[in-house]
Amino acid sequence: MGLPTTQPDSYKRTQVESATPEALILMLYDGALRFMNQAEEAFAEKNPEKINNLLLRVQAIFSELLVCLDKPKGGEIAKNLERLYVFFLERLSEANIQKNPEPMRKIRPLVEDLRQTWAEAMKIHLKNNSVPKASPVRLNLSA
């Protein structure tokens, strides 16, 4: 017998299941930044278990973004994103192993820039395509 789903969990699940692939990527960037902020707090608390769990969640997000890259279609942009995501994964791993927030802090501005750029690209895309086509995509975001 499972635990009952709370209202916010149900709402979040519906959001994810009905989101366009573009919106899901934005949600992943938002999640990565949220978990990085929480990890920053865990570093301040000197809570190694919490640090580990949060950084693993951020790594799971970038691993998901990495495997979802469409390199044949994305060309040079996809290749550059691949290198960037691998770099993020390396820095997050370094932060986790050393229990040092600096490697994570160094990549945060890059993640914030990516998130902002993606949000702007979505606005332009929606403006140019007045009727967005929603094609629900299911991702396993539990980590």
Protein backbone atom coordinates (compact mmCIF):
# COMPACT_ATOMS: atom_id res chain seq x y z
CA MET A 1 0.00 0.00 0.00
CA GLY A 2 1.62 3.26 -1.17
CA LEU A 3 1.48 6.63 0.44
CA PRO A 4 -1.34 8.91 -0.71
CA THR A 5 -0.35 11.52 -3.25
CA THR A 6 -0.50 15.00 -1.83
CA GLN A 7 -2.11 17.84 -3.73
CA PRO A 8 1.21 19.55 -4.67
CA ASP A 9 2.67 16.23 -5.90
CA SER A 10 -0.41 15.62 -8.03
CA TYR A 11 -0.25 19.15 -9.43
CA LYS A 12 3.47 18.81 -10.20
CA ARG A 13 2.92 15.45 -11.90
CA THR A 14 0.17 16.95 -14.08
CA GLN A 15 2.44 19.87 -14.97
CA VAL A 16 5.24 17.53 -16.06
CA GLU A 17 2.98 15.14 -17.95
CA SER A 18 1.28 17.92 -19.92
CA ALA A 19 4.39 20.02 -20.60
CA THR A 20 5.98 20.43 -24.00
CA PRO A 21 9.53 19.09 -24.39
CA GLU A 22 10.77 22.70 -24.37
CA ALA A 23 8.98 23.44 -21.10
CA LEU A 24 10.39 20.25 -19.56
CA ILE A 25 13.92 21.41 -20.28
CA LEU A 26 13.16 24.71 -18.55
CA MET A 27 11.77 22.76 -15.57
CA LEU A 28 14.97 20.70 -15.45
CA TYR A 29 17.14 23.83 -15.39
CA ASP A 30 14.90 25.29 -12.66
CA GLY A 31 15.21 22.07 -10.67
CA ALA A 32 18.98 22.03 -11.01
CA LEU A 33 19.21 25.60 -9.73
CA ARG A 34 16.80 24.90 -6.88
CA PHE A 35 18.80 21.84 -5.76
CA MET A 36 22.05 23.78 -6.08
CA ASN A 37 20.63 26.48 -3.78
CA GLN A 38 19.56 23.81 -1.30
CA ALA A 39 23.02 22.22 -1.53
CA GLU A 40 24.53 25.62 -0.74
CA GLU A 41 22.47 25.64 2.47
CA ALA A 42 23.56 22.06 3.24
CA PHE A 43 27.21 23.10 2.83
CA ALA A 44 26.60 25.95 5.30
CA GLU A 45 25.01 23.44 7.70
CA LYS A 46 27.94 21.07 7.18
CA ASN A 47 25.47 18.26 6.46
CA PRO A 48 27.36 15.76 4.24
CA GLU A 49 24.37 13.43 3.70
CA LYS A 50 22.15 16.28 2.53
CA ILE A 51 24.97 17.66 0.34
CA ASN A 52 25.40 14.24 -1.26
CA ASN A 53 21.69 13.75 -1.92
CA LEU A 54 21.18 17.21 -3.40
CA LEU A 55 24.26 17.12 -5.62
CA LEU A 56 23.25 13.67 -6.87
CA ARG A 57 19.87 15.13 -7.84
CA VAL A 58 21.56 17.94 -9.78
CA GLN A 59 23.81 15.37 -11.47
CA ALA A 60 20.76 13.28 -12.39
CA ILE A 61 19.22 16.32 -14.07
CA PHE A 62 22.32 17.02 -16.15
CA SER A 63 22.64 13.32 -16.99
CA GLU A 64 19.04 13.40 -18.26
CA LEU A 65 19.71 16.54 -20.29
CA LEU A 66 22.84 14.90 -21.69
CA VAL A 67 21.14 11.72 -22.88
CA CYS A 68 18.24 13.71 -24.38
CA LEU A 69 20.48 15.75 -26.67
CA ASP A 70 19.66 15.16 -30.33
CA LYS A 71 23.16 15.45 -31.74
CA PRO A 72 22.30 14.79 -35.40
CA LYS A 73 19.58 17.47 -35.36
CA GLY A 74 21.29 19.82 -32.92
CA GLY A 75 24.62 19.94 -34.71
CA GLU A 76 27.26 22.18 -33.16
CA ILE A 77 24.91 23.49 -30.46
CA ALA A 78 24.21 19.95 -29.23
CA LYS A 79 27.94 19.16 -29.23
CA ASN A 80 28.67 22.30 -27.19
CA LEU A 81 25.86 21.50 -24.75
CA GLU A 82 27.23 17.97 -24.40
CA ARG A 83 30.65 19.32 -23.45
CA LEU A 84 29.05 21.79 -21.03
CA TYR A 85 26.88 19.14 -19.35
CA VAL A 86 29.89 16.82 -18.95
CA PHE A 87 31.82 19.73 -17.42
CA PHE A 88 28.91 20.38 -15.02
CA LEU A 89 28.83 16.72 -14.03
CA GLU A 90 32.57 16.74 -13.34
CA ARG A 91 32.38 19.88 -11.18
CA LEU A 92 29.36 18.57 -9.25
CA SER A 93 31.14 15.28 -8.64
CA GLU A 94 34.22 17.16 -7.45
CA ALA A 95 32.09 19.29 -5.08
CA ASN A 96 30.43 16.16 -3.70
CA ILE A 97 33.57 14.10 -3.23
CA GLN A 98 35.53 16.95 -1.62
CA LYS A 99 32.48 18.32 0.23
CA ASN A 100 33.58 21.70 -1.10
CA PRO A 101 30.97 24.09 -2.57
CA GLU A 102 33.42 25.99 -4.80
CA PRO A 103 33.20 23.76 -7.91
CA MET A 104 29.40 23.99 -7.73
CA ARG A 105 29.52 27.76 -7.22
CA LYS A 106 31.70 28.16 -10.30
CA ILE A 107 29.16 26.49 -12.60
CA ARG A 108 26.03 28.13 -11.15
CA PRO A 109 26.33 31.31 -13.30
CA LEU A 110 26.64 29.13 -16.40
CA VAL A 111 23.53 27.16 -15.44
CA GLU A 112 21.67 30.42 -14.77
CA ASP A 113 22.71 31.75 -18.19
CA LEU A 114 21.59 28.54 -19.89
CA ARG A 115 18.23 28.70 -18.12
CA GLN A 116 17.72 32.34 -19.11
CA THR A 117 18.76 31.71 -22.71
CA TRP A 118 16.39 28.75 -22.94
CA ALA A 119 13.50 30.80 -21.50
CA GLU A 120 14.13 33.56 -24.06
CA ALA A 121 14.31 31.03 -26.90
CA MET A 122 10.97 29.58 -25.78
CA LYS A 123 9.37 33.07 -25.81
CA ILE A 124 10.64 33.70 -29.34
CA HIS A 125 9.46 30.26 -30.47
CA LEU A 126 5.98 30.80 -28.98
CA LYS A 127 5.76 34.25 -30.53
CA ASN A 128 6.64 32.86 -33.97
CA ASN A 129 4.31 29.86 -33.61
CA SER A 130 1.05 31.20 -32.23
CA VAL A 131 -0.41 27.73 -31.61
CA PRO A 132 2.16 25.62 -29.75
CA LYS A 133 1.90 21.90 -30.31
CA ALA A 134 1.92 20.06 -26.99
CA SER A 135 3.37 16.60 -27.12
CA PRO A 136 3.58 15.20 -23.60
CA VAL A 137 6.88 13.59 -22.74
CA ARG A 138 7.37 11.48 -19.64
CA LEU A 139 10.62 11.74 -17.73
CA ASN A 140 11.48 9.97 -14.54
CA LEU A 141 12.44 12.92 -12.33
CA SER A 142 12.51 11.05 -9.06
CA ALA A 143 16.00 10.75 -7.72
